[in-house]
Protein backbone atom coordinates (compact mmCIF):
# COMPACT_ATOMS: atom_id res chain seq x y z
CA MET A 1 -28.65 -24.05 65.80
CA THR A 2 -30.64 -23.54 62.60
CA THR A 3 -29.26 -20.02 62.16
CA LYS A 4 -25.69 -21.24 61.60
CA PRO A 5 -26.41 -23.09 58.31
CA ALA A 6 -28.44 -20.11 57.11
CA LYS A 7 -25.43 -17.82 57.64
CA VAL A 8 -23.15 -20.19 55.76
CA LEU A 9 -25.66 -20.38 52.90
CA ALA A 10 -26.03 -16.59 52.79
CA ALA A 11 -22.26 -16.10 52.79
CA SER A 12 -21.70 -18.65 50.04
CA ARG A 13 -24.24 -16.96 47.76
CA TRP A 14 -22.02 -13.89 47.54
CA GLY A 15 -19.22 -15.99 46.07
CA LEU A 16 -21.29 -17.27 43.15
CA PRO A 17 -21.52 -15.20 39.98
CA GLN A 18 -24.89 -13.67 39.33
CA PRO A 19 -26.73 -14.67 36.14
CA GLU A 20 -26.45 -11.10 34.80
CA SER A 21 -22.64 -11.15 35.05
CA LEU A 22 -22.49 -14.56 33.35
CA CYS A 23 -24.58 -13.17 30.51
CA PHE A 24 -22.31 -10.11 30.22
CA GLU A 25 -19.20 -12.32 30.11
CA LYS A 26 -20.74 -14.50 27.41
CA LYS A 27 -21.64 -11.47 25.27
CA GLU A 28 -18.13 -10.06 25.80
CA ASP A 29 -16.56 -13.38 24.75
CA GLU A 30 -18.67 -13.40 21.57
CA ARG A 31 -17.08 -10.09 20.52
CA LEU A 32 -13.53 -11.40 20.87
CA VAL A 33 -11.68 -12.22 17.66
CA GLN A 34 -8.41 -13.83 16.64
CA GLN A 35 -5.58 -11.54 15.58
CA PRO A 36 -6.14 -10.51 11.95
CA VAL A 37 -3.50 -11.66 9.47
CA ILE A 38 -1.84 -8.70 7.75
CA GLU A 39 0.06 -8.99 4.46
CA LYS A 40 3.74 -8.07 4.60
CA SER A 41 3.27 -5.25 2.07
CA ASP A 42 0.45 -3.73 4.16
CA ARG A 43 2.53 -3.97 7.34
CA GLU A 44 5.44 -2.22 5.60
CA ALA A 45 3.08 0.54 4.43
CA PHE A 46 1.80 0.96 8.01
CA HIS A 47 5.37 1.27 9.33
CA TYR A 48 6.23 3.84 6.66
CA MET A 49 3.16 5.94 7.55
CA ILE A 50 4.01 5.72 11.26
CA ARG A 51 7.63 6.81 10.70
CA ASP A 52 6.52 9.67 8.45
CA ALA A 53 3.90 10.85 10.97
CA GLY A 54 6.50 10.76 13.74
CA ARG A 55 8.98 12.79 11.68
CA GLU A 56 6.47 15.31 10.32
CA ASP A 57 4.35 15.49 13.52
CA TYR A 58 0.90 14.87 12.08
CA GLY A 59 -1.95 12.78 13.42
CA LEU A 60 -2.82 9.21 12.54
CA SER A 61 -5.57 6.76 13.29
CA VAL A 62 -4.06 3.44 14.41
CA VAL A 63 -6.04 0.21 14.80
CA TRP A 64 -4.51 -2.71 16.69
CA TRP A 65 -5.44 -6.08 18.13
CA LYS A 66 -5.22 -6.45 21.91
CA PRO A 67 -5.13 -9.98 23.44
CA VAL A 68 -7.77 -10.67 26.11
CA LYS A 69 -8.17 -14.43 26.54
CA GLY A 70 -5.55 -16.71 25.04
CA ASN A 71 -5.51 -16.26 21.26
CA LEU A 72 -8.70 -14.15 21.33
CA GLY A 73 -8.75 -10.41 21.72
CA MET A 74 -10.38 -7.16 20.76
CA VAL A 75 -9.67 -4.59 18.09
CA CYS A 76 -8.84 -1.14 19.51
CA SER A 77 -8.29 2.19 17.78
CA MET A 78 -6.80 5.54 18.66
CA TRP A 79 -6.27 8.81 16.88
CA GLY A 80 -3.24 10.86 17.85
CA ALA A 81 0.35 11.81 17.18
CA VAL A 82 3.25 9.37 17.13
CA LYS A 83 5.53 10.68 19.88
CA TRP A 84 8.04 7.85 20.10
CA ILE A 85 9.06 4.81 18.07
CA ASP A 86 10.82 2.24 20.24
CA ALA A 87 12.63 0.06 17.65
CA HIS A 88 14.17 -2.20 20.31
CA GLU A 89 10.81 -3.08 21.92
CA ARG A 90 8.99 -2.79 18.55
CA ARG A 91 6.27 -0.44 19.79
CA ILE A 92 5.06 3.11 19.25
CA LYS A 93 3.79 5.71 21.67
CA MET A 94 0.60 7.44 20.53
CA VAL A 95 -0.60 10.56 22.32
CA ASN A 96 -3.73 12.69 22.04
CA ASP A 97 -5.51 15.19 24.33
CA GLU A 98 -7.11 12.41 26.39
CA GLU A 99 -4.59 9.57 26.62
CA SER A 100 -1.18 8.14 25.90
CA GLN A 101 -0.80 4.55 24.68
CA TRP A 102 2.09 2.21 23.86
CA ILE A 103 1.07 0.03 20.89
CA PRO A 104 3.03 -3.08 19.83
CA MET A 105 3.94 -2.76 16.16
CA ASP A 106 3.30 -6.45 15.43
CA ARG A 107 -0.34 -6.06 16.53
CA ILE A 108 -1.17 -3.07 14.31
CA VAL A 109 -3.87 -4.02 11.79
CA ASP A 110 -4.59 -0.66 10.13
CA VAL A 111 -3.21 2.89 9.89
CA LYS A 112 -4.93 5.90 8.31
CA SER A 113 -3.72 9.47 8.01
């Protein structure tokens, strides 16, 4: 009869997060940021560079904000070629040797050629 509560206790321990994972989540949350505010003139310059790179088929480095938890997110970057500009969905498709990524245009925070 004493073994039954021990089994329940052992099984319930697996459902609780370990202290290491709590620490990792806390550190991850500390790195999250709000979406950067971009001036209209900068955003227009980014869109021009993206259109030009798509037309002329040259590589760009694009930096964008990706939401993770509510209004907090992380800043991501990718170097590659602009293969498609979806004006209706307001996103671009970036491609390089390793990956392909759809990036929302309203979340782009920097573009470099």
